[in-house]
Amino acid sequence: MNAVATKYTEDQINDLGLNIYGGCFNKRKKRGGSTWPTHAWGVALDFDPSRNKLKWGRDKANLARPEYDAWWEAWETEGWLSLGRERNFDWMHIQAVKLR
């Protein structure tokens, strides 16, 4: 978050919804599945879920727009991964583990 604060002003963070936290730990199985999601292990975060729905791709998700590139770069520099950037869904989701 310190890196984000160097890339965006407080007004930009508020305007872009980068301050809207959607959750982290959630002890439940994956929707429609039998395996545990990264949220069940506390290694994933969600941001601004109302404007970045689970099944939305880059054509609809706010976090897919170019003004968010510095946001993603800040996280990726720390080793986090975006499902949106990797798989084009769940743009709200950032996780601290690699995909298989």
PDB file of N, CA and C in Angstrom:
ATOM      1  N   MET A   1       0.825  -1.190   0.000  1.00  0.00           N
ATOM      2  CA  MET A   1       0.000   0.000   0.000  1.00  0.00           C
ATOM      3  C   MET A   1       0.872   1.258   0.000  1.00  0.00           C
ATOM      4  N   ASN A   2       2.076   1.160   0.553  1.00  0.00           N
ATOM      5  CA  ASN A   2       2.975   2.317   0.506  1.00  0.00           C
ATOM      6  C   ASN A   2       3.341   2.664  -0.928  1.00  0.00           C
ATOM      7  N   ALA A   3       3.581   1.656  -1.746  1.00  0.00           N
ATOM      8  CA  ALA A   3       3.900   1.903  -3.156  1.00  0.00           C
ATOM      9  C   ALA A   3       2.723   2.542  -3.878  1.00  0.00           C
ATOM     10  N   VAL A   4       1.520   2.115  -3.572  1.00  0.00           N
ATOM     11  CA  VAL A   4       0.317   2.698  -4.176  1.00  0.00           C
ATOM     12  C   VAL A   4       0.231   4.179  -3.807  1.00  0.00           C
ATOM     13  N   ALA A   5       0.546   4.496  -2.565  1.00  0.00           N
ATOM     14  CA  ALA A   5       0.479   5.883  -2.095  1.00  0.00           C
ATOM     15  C   ALA A   5       1.514   6.772  -2.774  1.00  0.00           C
ATOM     16  N   THR A   6       2.566   6.188  -3.329  1.00  0.00           N
ATOM     17  CA  THR A   6       3.549   6.993  -4.063  1.00  0.00           C
ATOM     18  C   THR A   6       3.141   7.194  -5.520  1.00  0.00           C
ATOM     19  N   LYS A   7       2.241   6.365  -6.002  1.00  0.00           N
ATOM     20  CA  LYS A   7       1.825   6.432  -7.405  1.00  0.00           C
ATOM     21  C   LYS A   7       0.530   7.205  -7.618  1.00  0.00           C
ATOM     22  N   TYR A   8      -0.298   7.313  -6.572  1.00  0.00           N
ATOM     23  CA  TYR A   8      -1.589   7.987  -6.667  1.00  0.00           C
ATOM     24  C   TYR A   8      -1.738   8.975  -5.512  1.00  0.00           C
ATOM     25  N   THR A   9      -2.422  10.068  -5.785  1.00  0.00           N
ATOM     26  CA  THR A   9      -2.752  10.995  -4.701  1.00  0.00           C
ATOM     27  C   THR A   9      -3.921  10.418  -3.910  1.00  0.00           C
ATOM     28  N   GLU A  10      -4.190  10.984  -2.758  1.00  0.00           N
ATOM     29  CA  GLU A  10      -5.325  10.524  -1.957  1.00  0.00           C
ATOM     30  C   GLU A  10      -6.639  10.713  -2.717  1.00  0.00           C
ATOM     31  N   ASP A  11      -6.771  11.839  -3.428  1.00  0.00           N
ATOM     32  CA  ASP A  11      -7.983  12.068  -4.228  1.00  0.00           C
ATOM     33  C   ASP A  11      -8.129  11.019  -5.320  1.00  0.00           C
ATOM     34  N   GLN A  12      -7.025  10.665  -5.993  1.00  0.00           N
ATOM     35  CA  GLN A  12      -7.081   9.636  -7.036  1.00  0.00           C
ATOM     36  C   GLN A  12      -7.467   8.284  -6.439  1.00  0.00           C
ATOM     37  N   ILE A  13      -6.911   7.950  -5.294  1.00  0.00           N
ATOM     38  CA  ILE A  13      -7.240   6.687  -4.630  1.00  0.00           C
ATOM     39  C   ILE A  13      -8.733   6.627  -4.340  1.00  0.00           C
ATOM     40  N   ASN A  14      -9.285   7.711  -3.841  1.00  0.00           N
ATOM     41  CA  ASN A  14     -10.717   7.763  -3.553  1.00  0.00           C
ATOM     42  C   ASN A  14     -11.551   7.719  -4.826  1.00  0.00           C
ATOM     43  N   ASP A  15     -11.174   8.517  -5.829  1.00  0.00           N
ATOM     44  CA  ASP A  15     -11.939   8.575  -7.085  1.00  0.00           C
ATOM     45  C   ASP A  15     -11.926   7.238  -7.833  1.00  0.00           C
ATOM     46  N   LEU A  16     -10.797   6.542  -7.795  1.00  0.00           N
ATOM     47  CA  LEU A  16     -10.662   5.277  -8.512  1.00  0.00           C
ATOM     48  C   LEU A  16     -11.196   4.084  -7.714  1.00  0.00           C
ATOM     49  N   GLY A  17     -11.541   4.311  -6.458  1.00  0.00           N
ATOM     50  CA  GLY A  17     -12.068   3.225  -5.626  1.00  0.00           C
ATOM     51  C   GLY A  17     -11.002   2.284  -5.097  1.00  0.00           C
ATOM     52  N   LEU A  18      -9.753   2.726  -5.108  1.00  0.00           N
ATOM     53  CA  LEU A  18      -8.667   1.879  -4.618  1.00  0.00           C
ATOM     54  C   LEU A  18      -8.696   1.733  -3.098  1.00  0.00           C
ATOM     55  N   ASN A  19      -9.531   2.503  -2.458  1.00  0.00           N
ATOM     56  CA  ASN A  19      -9.705   2.434  -1.007  1.00  0.00           C
ATOM     57  C   ASN A  19     -10.914   1.580  -0.608  1.00  0.00           C
ATOM     58  N   ILE A  20     -11.553   0.951  -1.577  1.00  0.00           N
ATOM     59  CA  ILE A  20     -12.739   0.135  -1.284  1.00  0.00           C
ATOM     60  C   ILE A  20     -12.315  -1.322  -1.150  1.00  0.00           C
ATOM     61  N   TYR A  21     -12.235  -1.750   0.080  1.00  0.00           N
ATOM     62  CA  TYR A  21     -11.778  -3.093   0.418  1.00  0.00           C
ATOM     63  C   TYR A  21     -12.966  -4.049   0.389  1.00  0.00           C
ATOM     64  N   GLY A  22     -12.797  -5.181  -0.278  1.00  0.00           N
ATOM     65  CA  GLY A  22     -13.883  -6.135  -0.413  1.00  0.00           C
ATOM     66  C   GLY A  22     -13.731  -7.381   0.435  1.00  0.00           C
ATOM     67  N   GLY A  23     -12.589  -7.557   1.090  1.00  0.00           N
ATOM     68  CA  GLY A  23     -12.426  -8.707   1.968  1.00  0.00           C
ATOM     69  C   GLY A  23     -11.177  -9.508   1.704  1.00  0.00           C
ATOM     70  N   CYS A  24     -10.894 -10.420   2.648  1.00  0.00           N
ATOM     71  CA  CYS A  24      -9.718 -11.282   2.560  1.00  0.00           C
ATOM     72  C   CYS A  24     -10.098 -12.701   2.978  1.00  0.00           C
ATOM     73  N   PHE A  25     -10.007 -12.994   4.269  1.00  0.00           N
ATOM     74  CA  PHE A  25     -10.270 -14.345   4.760  1.00  0.00           C
ATOM     75  C   PHE A  25     -11.749 -14.701   4.657  1.00  0.00           C
ATOM     76  N   ASN A  26     -12.012 -15.868   4.082  1.00  0.00           N
ATOM     77  CA  ASN A  26     -13.378 -16.374   3.987  1.00  0.00           C
ATOM     78  C   ASN A  26     -13.300 -17.904   3.980  1.00  0.00           C
ATOM     79  N   LYS A  27     -13.629 -18.520   5.098  1.00  0.00           N
ATOM     80  CA  LYS A  27     -13.530 -19.986   5.204  1.00  0.00           C
ATOM     81  C   LYS A  27     -14.758 -20.639   4.587  1.00  0.00           C
ATOM     82  N   ARG A  28     -14.636 -20.974   3.333  1.00  0.00           N
ATOM     83  CA  ARG A  28     -15.686 -21.666   2.585  1.00  0.00           C
ATOM     84  C   ARG A  28     -15.050 -22.297   1.361  1.00  0.00           C
ATOM     85  N   LYS A  29     -15.703 -23.282   0.783  1.00  0.00           N
ATOM     86  CA  LYS A  29     -15.212 -23.899  -0.453  1.00  0.00           C
ATOM     87  C   LYS A  29     -15.498 -22.963  -1.623  1.00  0.00           C
ATOM     88  N   LYS A  30     -14.809 -23.187  -2.726  1.00  0.00           N
ATOM     89  CA  LYS A  30     -15.047 -22.389  -3.934  1.00  0.00           C
ATOM     90  C   LYS A  30     -16.501 -22.525  -4.352  1.00  0.00           C
ATOM     91  N   ARG A  31     -17.042 -21.446  -4.890  1.00  0.00           N
ATOM     92  CA  ARG A  31     -18.431 -21.494  -5.368  1.00  0.00           C
ATOM     93  C   ARG A  31     -18.582 -22.596  -6.408  1.00  0.00           C
ATOM     94  N   GLY A  32     -19.505 -23.500  -6.169  1.00  0.00           N
ATOM     95  CA  GLY A  32     -19.754 -24.590  -7.105  1.00  0.00           C
ATOM     96  C   GLY A  32     -18.660 -25.640  -7.131  1.00  0.00           C
ATOM     97  N   GLY A  33     -17.757 -25.624  -6.165  1.00  0.00           N
ATOM     98  CA  GLY A  33     -16.648 -26.578  -6.179  1.00  0.00           C
ATOM     99  C   GLY A  33     -16.434 -27.252  -4.842  1.00  0.00           C
ATOM    100  N   SER A  34     -15.399 -28.055  -4.780  1.00  0.00           N
ATOM    101  CA  SER A  34     -15.104 -28.789  -3.546  1.00  0.00           C
ATOM    102  C   SER A  34     -13.721 -28.455  -2.990  1.00  0.00           C
ATOM    103  N   THR A  35     -13.000 -27.546  -3.629  1.00  0.00           N
ATOM    104  CA  THR A  35     -11.670 -27.178  -3.163  1.00  0.00           C
ATOM    105  C   THR A  35     -11.704 -25.835  -2.449  1.00  0.00           C
ATOM    106  N   TRP A  36     -10.659 -25.576  -1.695  1.00  0.00           N
ATOM    107  CA  TRP A  36     -10.567 -24.336  -0.928  1.00  0.00           C
ATOM    108  C   TRP A  36      -9.972 -23.228  -1.797  1.00  0.00           C
ATOM    109  N   PRO A  37     -10.559 -22.048  -1.770  1.00  0.00           N
ATOM    110  CA  PRO A  37     -10.007 -20.917  -2.525  1.00  0.00           C
ATOM    111  C   PRO A  37      -8.864 -20.258  -1.748  1.00  0.00           C
ATOM    112  N   THR A  38      -8.125 -19.389  -2.395  1.00  0.00           N
ATOM    113  CA  THR A  38      -7.030 -18.680  -1.728  1.00  0.00           C
ATOM    114  C   THR A  38      -7.536 -17.821  -0.576  1.00  0.00           C
ATOM    115  N   HIS A  39      -8.782 -17.368  -0.641  1.00  0.00           N
ATOM    116  CA  HIS A  39      -9.349 -16.583   0.462  1.00  0.00           C
ATOM    117  C   HIS A  39      -9.461 -17.417   1.747  1.00  0.00           C
ATOM    118  N   ALA A  40      -9.651 -18.716   1.628  1.00  0.00           N
ATOM    119  CA  ALA A  40      -9.770 -19.573   2.809  1.00  0.00           C
ATOM    120  C   ALA A  40      -8.429 -19.695   3.540  1.00  0.00           C
ATOM    121  N   TRP A  41      -7.356 -19.385   2.847  1.00  0.00           N
ATOM    122  CA  TRP A  41      -6.022 -19.441   3.442  1.00  0.00           C
ATOM    123  C   TRP A  41      -5.525 -18.049   3.844  1.00  0.00           C
ATOM    124  N   GLY A  42      -6.324 -17.027   3.582  1.00  0.00           N
ATOM    125  CA  GLY A  42      -5.946 -15.668   3.944  1.00  0.00           C
ATOM    126  C   GLY A  42      -4.828 -15.093   3.093  1.00  0.00           C
ATOM    127  N   VAL A  43      -4.682 -15.580   1.848  1.00  0.00           N
ATOM    128  CA  VAL A  43      -3.609 -15.102   0.967  1.00  0.00           C
ATOM    129  C   VAL A  43      -4.163 -14.404  -0.277  1.00  0.00           C
ATOM    130  N   ALA A  44      -5.385 -13.883  -0.157  1.00  0.00           N
ATOM    131  CA  ALA A  44      -6.006 -13.159  -1.262  1.00  0.00           C
ATOM    132  C   ALA A  44      -6.813 -11.995  -0.709  1.00  0.00           C
ATOM    133  N   LEU A  45      -6.862 -10.922  -1.488  1.00  0.00           N
ATOM    134  CA  LEU A  45      -7.616  -9.720  -1.140  1.00  0.00           C
ATOM    135  C   LEU A  45      -8.523  -9.359  -2.305  1.00  0.00           C
ATOM    136  N   ASP A  46      -9.648  -8.735  -2.002  1.00  0.00           N
ATOM    137  CA  ASP A  46     -10.545  -8.211  -3.034  1.00  0.00           C
ATOM    138  C   ASP A  46     -10.701  -6.704  -2.829  1.00  0.00           C
ATOM    139  N   PHE A  47     -10.746  -5.976  -3.942  1.00  0.00           N
ATOM    140  CA  PHE A  47     -10.932  -4.534  -3.912  1.00  0.00           C
ATOM    141  C   PHE A  47     -12.065  -4.120  -4.847  1.00  0.00           C
ATOM    142  N   ASP A  48     -12.887  -3.195  -4.380  1.00  0.00           N
ATOM    143  CA  ASP A  48     -13.971  -2.578  -5.152  1.00  0.00           C
ATOM    144  C   ASP A  48     -14.830  -3.620  -5.885  1.00  0.00           C
ATOM    145  N   PRO A  49     -15.405  -4.566  -5.141  1.00  0.00           N
ATOM    146  CA  PRO A  49     -16.156  -5.652  -5.785  1.00  0.00           C
ATOM    147  C   PRO A  49     -17.386  -5.226  -6.574  1.00  0.00           C
ATOM    148  N   SER A  50     -18.014  -4.120  -6.211  1.00  0.00           N
ATOM    149  CA  SER A  50     -19.230  -3.741  -6.939  1.00  0.00           C
ATOM    150  C   SER A  50     -18.925  -3.246  -8.354  1.00  0.00           C
ATOM    151  N   ARG A  51     -17.706  -2.786  -8.602  1.00  0.00           N
ATOM    152  CA  ARG A  51     -17.348  -2.307  -9.947  1.00  0.00           C
ATOM    153  C   ARG A  51     -16.351  -3.235 -10.641  1.00  0.00           C
ATOM    154  N   ASN A  52     -16.184  -4.440 -10.074  1.00  0.00           N
ATOM    155  CA  ASN A  52     -15.265  -5.439 -10.628  1.00  0.00           C
ATOM    156  C   ASN A  52     -15.796  -6.838 -10.327  1.00  0.00           C
ATOM    157  N   LYS A  53     -16.945  -7.156 -10.852  1.00  0.00           N
ATOM    158  CA  LYS A  53     -17.637  -8.415 -10.549  1.00  0.00           C
ATOM    159  C   LYS A  53     -16.801  -9.632 -10.955  1.00  0.00           C
ATOM    160  N   LEU A  54     -17.046 -10.731 -10.263  1.00  0.00           N
ATOM    161  CA  LEU A  54     -16.293 -11.967 -10.454  1.00  0.00           C
ATOM    162  C   LEU A  54     -16.148 -12.359 -11.926  1.00  0.00           C
ATOM    163  N   LYS A  55     -17.234 -12.383 -12.665  1.00  0.00           N
ATOM    164  CA  LYS A  55     -17.193 -12.891 -14.040  1.00  0.00           C
ATOM    165  C   LYS A  55     -16.964 -11.814 -15.099  1.00  0.00           C
ATOM    166  N   TRP A  56     -16.799 -10.568 -14.681  1.00  0.00           N
ATOM    167  CA  TRP A  56     -16.543  -9.502 -15.654  1.00  0.00           C
ATOM    168  C   TRP A  56     -15.130  -9.602 -16.201  1.00  0.00           C
ATOM    169  N   GLY A  57     -15.005  -9.333 -17.485  1.00  0.00           N
ATOM    170  CA  GLY A  57     -13.703  -9.277 -18.132  1.00  0.00           C
ATOM    171  C   GLY A  57     -13.220  -7.844 -18.251  1.00  0.00           C
ATOM    172  N   ARG A  58     -12.157  -7.664 -19.021  1.00  0.00           N
ATOM    173  CA  ARG A  58     -11.564  -6.324 -19.159  1.00  0.00           C
ATOM    174  C   ARG A  58     -12.499  -5.334 -19.847  1.00  0.00           C
ATOM    175  N   ASP A  59     -13.520  -5.828 -20.521  1.00  0.00           N
ATOM    176  CA  ASP A  59     -14.470  -4.944 -21.187  1.00  0.00           C
ATOM    177  C   ASP A  59     -15.408  -4.242 -20.203  1.00  0.00           C
ATOM    178  N   LYS A  60     -15.542  -4.755 -18.958  1.00  0.00           N
ATOM    179  CA  LYS A  60     -16.456  -4.167 -17.983  1.00  0.00           C
ATOM    180  C   LYS A  60     -15.797  -3.745 -16.669  1.00  0.00           C
ATOM    181  N   ALA A  61     -14.778  -4.440 -16.240  1.00  0.00           N
ATOM    182  CA  ALA A  61     -14.179  -4.201 -14.924  1.00  0.00           C
ATOM    183  C   ALA A  61     -13.411  -2.879 -14.874  1.00  0.00           C
ATOM    184  N   ASN A  62     -13.677  -2.094 -13.848  1.00  0.00           N
ATOM    185  CA  ASN A  62     -12.949  -0.828 -13.661  1.00  0.00           C
ATOM    186  C   ASN A  62     -11.448  -1.054 -13.534  1.00  0.00           C
ATOM    187  N   LEU A  63     -11.061  -2.061 -12.754  1.00  0.00           N
ATOM    188  CA  LEU A  63      -9.640  -2.289 -12.501  1.00  0.00           C
ATOM    189  C   LEU A  63      -8.863  -2.751 -13.738  1.00  0.00           C
ATOM    190  N   ALA A  64      -9.539  -2.946 -14.848  1.00  0.00           N
ATOM    191  CA  ALA A  64      -8.872  -3.324 -16.091  1.00  0.00           C
ATOM    192  C   ALA A  64      -8.465  -2.102 -16.915  1.00  0.00           C
ATOM    193  N   ARG A  65      -8.923  -0.923 -16.533  1.00  0.00           N
ATOM    194  CA  ARG A  65      -8.644   0.286 -17.306  1.00  0.00           C
ATOM    195  C   ARG A  65      -7.198   0.744 -17.110  1.00  0.00           C
ATOM    196  N   PRO A  66      -6.653   1.480 -18.087  1.00  0.00           N
ATOM    197  CA  PRO A  66      -5.245   1.900 -18.046  1.00  0.00           C
ATOM    198  C   PRO A  66      -4.850   2.727 -16.823  1.00  0.00           C
ATOM    199  N   GLU A  67      -5.776   3.487 -16.260  1.00  0.00           N
ATOM    200  CA  GLU A  67      -5.427   4.305 -15.099  1.00  0.00           C
ATOM    201  C   GLU A  67      -5.110   3.464 -13.858  1.00  0.00           C
ATOM    202  N   TYR A  68      -5.348   2.168 -13.931  1.00  0.00           N
ATOM    203  CA  TYR A  68      -5.039   1.264 -12.824  1.00  0.00           C
ATOM    204  C   TYR A  68      -3.725   0.510 -13.024  1.00  0.00           C
ATOM    205  N   ASP A  69      -3.033   0.736 -14.117  1.00  0.00           N
ATOM    206  CA  ASP A  69      -1.785   0.010 -14.380  1.00  0.00           C
ATOM    207  C   ASP A  69      -0.765   0.174 -13.255  1.00  0.00           C
ATOM    208  N   ALA A  70      -0.609   1.377 -12.731  1.00  0.00           N
ATOM    209  CA  ALA A  70       0.346   1.602 -11.641  1.00  0.00           C
ATOM    210  C   ALA A  70      -0.065   0.841 -10.380  1.00  0.00           C
ATOM    211  N   TRP A  71      -1.373   0.704 -10.148  1.00  0.00           N
ATOM    212  CA  TRP A  71      -1.905  -0.092  -9.028  1.00  0.00           C
ATOM    213  C   TRP A  71      -1.408  -1.525  -9.130  1.00  0.00           C
ATOM    214  N   TRP A  72      -1.615  -2.121 -10.318  1.00  0.00           N
ATOM    215  CA  TRP A  72      -1.208  -3.514 -10.512  1.00  0.00           C
ATOM    216  C   TRP A  72       0.299  -3.670 -10.444  1.00  0.00           C
ATOM    217  N   GLU A  73       1.033  -2.735 -11.013  1.00  0.00           N
ATOM    218  CA  GLU A  73       2.499  -2.809 -10.971  1.00  0.00           C
ATOM    219  C   GLU A  73       3.011  -2.770  -9.535  1.00  0.00           C
ATOM    220  N   ALA A  74       2.373  -1.963  -8.684  1.00  0.00           N
ATOM    221  CA  ALA A  74       2.779  -1.893  -7.273  1.00  0.00           C
ATOM    222  C   ALA A  74       2.613  -3.260  -6.604  1.00  0.00           C
ATOM    223  N   TRP A  75       1.492  -3.910  -6.843  1.00  0.00           N
ATOM    224  CA  TRP A  75       1.257  -5.234  -6.257  1.00  0.00           C
ATOM    225  C   TRP A  75       2.194  -6.281  -6.849  1.00  0.00           C
ATOM    226  N   GLU A  76       2.336  -6.268  -8.169  1.00  0.00           N
ATOM    227  CA  GLU A  76       3.164  -7.268  -8.842  1.00  0.00           C
ATOM    228  C   GLU A  76       4.632  -7.164  -8.441  1.00  0.00           C
ATOM    229  N   THR A  77       5.104  -5.970  -8.185  1.00  0.00           N
ATOM    230  CA  THR A  77       6.479  -5.770  -7.719  1.00  0.00           C
ATOM    231  C   THR A  77       6.706  -6.485  -6.389  1.00  0.00           C
ATOM    232  N   GLU A  78       5.670  -6.581  -5.580  1.00  0.00           N
ATOM    233  CA  GLU A  78       5.748  -7.260  -4.282  1.00  0.00           C
ATOM    234  C   GLU A  78       5.486  -8.766  -4.392  1.00  0.00           C
ATOM    235  N   GLY A  79       5.222  -9.263  -5.625  1.00  0.00           N
ATOM    236  CA  GLY A  79       5.020 -10.691  -5.832  1.00  0.00           C
ATOM    237  C   GLY A  79       3.566 -11.141  -5.875  1.00  0.00           C
ATOM    238  N   TRP A  80       2.628 -10.193  -5.808  1.00  0.00           N
ATOM    239  CA  TRP A  80       1.202 -10.541  -5.860  1.00  0.00           C
ATOM    240  C   TRP A  80       0.769 -10.744  -7.305  1.00  0.00           C
ATOM    241  N   LEU A  81      -0.331 -11.461  -7.489  1.00  0.00           N
ATOM    242  CA  LEU A  81      -0.831 -11.810  -8.809  1.00  0.00           C
ATOM    243  C   LEU A  81      -2.291 -11.379  -8.947  1.00  0.00           C
ATOM    244  N   SER A  82      -2.639 -10.841 -10.095  1.00  0.00           N
ATOM    245  CA  SER A  82      -4.014 -10.438 -10.401  1.00  0.00           C
ATOM    246  C   SER A  82      -4.660 -11.488 -11.292  1.00  0.00           C
ATOM    247  N   LEU A  83      -5.796 -12.024 -10.851  1.00  0.00           N
ATOM    248  CA  LEU A  83      -6.523 -12.962 -11.716  1.00  0.00           C
ATOM    249  C   LEU A  83      -7.036 -12.250 -12.962  1.00  0.00           C
ATOM    250  N   GLY A  84      -7.389 -10.983 -12.827  1.00  0.00           N
ATOM    251  CA  GLY A  84      -7.839 -10.219 -13.976  1.00  0.00           C
ATOM    252  C   GLY A  84      -6.766 -10.139 -15.047  1.00  0.00           C
ATOM    253  N   ARG A  85      -5.583  -9.754 -14.651  1.00  0.00           N
ATOM    254  CA  ARG A  85      -4.494  -9.614 -15.623  1.00  0.00           C
ATOM    255  C   ARG A  85      -4.009 -10.960 -16.150  1.00  0.00           C
ATOM    256  N   GLU A  86      -4.113 -11.994 -15.334  1.00  0.00           N
ATOM    257  CA  GLU A  86      -3.663 -13.325 -15.755  1.00  0.00           C
ATOM    258  C   GLU A  86      -4.710 -14.104 -16.538  1.00  0.00           C
ATOM    259  N   ARG A  87      -5.990 -13.977 -16.118  1.00  0.00           N
ATOM    260  CA  ARG A  87      -7.038 -14.833 -16.687  1.00  0.00           C
ATOM    261  C   ARG A  87      -8.263 -14.078 -17.193  1.00  0.00           C
ATOM    262  N   ASN A  88      -8.261 -12.743 -17.047  1.00  0.00           N
ATOM    263  CA  ASN A  88      -9.353 -11.874 -17.509  1.00  0.00           C
ATOM    264  C   ASN A  88     -10.699 -12.171 -16.855  1.00  0.00           C
ATOM    265  N   PHE A  89     -10.689 -12.447 -15.553  1.00  0.00           N
ATOM    266  CA  PHE A  89     -11.915 -12.504 -14.749  1.00  0.00           C
ATOM    267  C   PHE A  89     -11.515 -12.208 -13.309  1.00  0.00           C
ATOM    268  N   ASP A  90     -12.488 -11.872 -12.494  1.00  0.00           N
ATOM    269  CA  ASP A  90     -12.254 -11.586 -11.073  1.00  0.00           C
ATOM    270  C   ASP A  90     -11.206 -10.488 -10.885  1.00  0.00           C
ATOM    271  N   TRP A  91     -11.424  -9.364 -11.546  1.00  0.00           N
ATOM    272  CA  TRP A  91     -10.482  -8.247 -11.506  1.00  0.00           C
ATOM    273  C   TRP A  91     -10.326  -7.648 -10.120  1.00  0.00           C
ATOM    274  N   MET A  92     -11.243  -7.903  -9.211  1.00  0.00           N
ATOM    275  CA  MET A  92     -11.124  -7.381  -7.846  1.00  0.00           C
ATOM    276  C   MET A  92     -10.064  -8.136  -7.046  1.00  0.00           C
ATOM    277  N   HIS A  93      -9.668  -9.308  -7.496  1.00  0.00           N
ATOM    278  CA  HIS A  93      -8.889 -10.294  -6.745  1.00  0.00           C
ATOM    279  C   HIS A  93      -7.374 -10.143  -6.949  1.00  0.00           C
ATOM    280  N   ILE A  94      -6.671 -10.093  -5.824  1.00  0.00           N
ATOM    281  CA  ILE A  94      -5.196 -10.101  -5.810  1.00  0.00           C
ATOM    282  C   ILE A  94      -4.797 -11.229  -4.876  1.00  0.00           C
ATOM    283  N   GLN A  95      -3.831 -12.063  -5.290  1.00  0.00           N
ATOM    284  CA  GLN A  95      -3.424 -13.147  -4.417  1.00  0.00           C
ATOM    285  C   GLN A  95      -1.911 -13.228  -4.312  1.00  0.00           C
ATOM    286  N   ALA A  96      -1.457 -13.780  -3.182  1.00  0.00           N
ATOM    287  CA  ALA A  96      -0.015 -13.868  -2.885  1.00  0.00           C
ATOM    288  C   ALA A  96       0.549 -15.237  -3.228  1.00  0.00           C
ATOM    289  N   VAL A  97      -0.125 -15.982  -4.084  1.00  0.00           N
ATOM    290  CA  VAL A  97       0.363 -17.282  -4.520  1.00  0.00           C
ATOM    291  C   VAL A  97       0.247 -17.371  -6.039  1.00  0.00           C
ATOM    292  N   LYS A  98       1.120 -18.163  -6.637  1.00  0.00           N
ATOM    293  CA  LYS A  98       1.106 -18.350  -8.080  1.00  0.00           C
ATOM    294  C   LYS A  98      -0.027 -19.268  -8.516  1.00  0.00           C
ATOM    295  N   LEU A  99      -0.399 -19.163  -9.765  1.00  0.00           N
ATOM    296  CA  LEU A  99      -1.404 -20.061 -10.353  1.00  0.00           C
ATOM    297  C   LEU A  99      -0.725 -21.336 -10.801  1.00  0.00           C
ATOM    298  N   ARG A 100      -1.488 -22.426 -10.827  1.00  0.00           N
ATOM    299  CA  ARG A 100      -0.960 -23.693 -11.339  1.00  0.00           C
ATOM    300  C   ARG A 100      -1.192 -23.785 -12.802  1.00  0.00           C
TER     301      ARG A 100
END
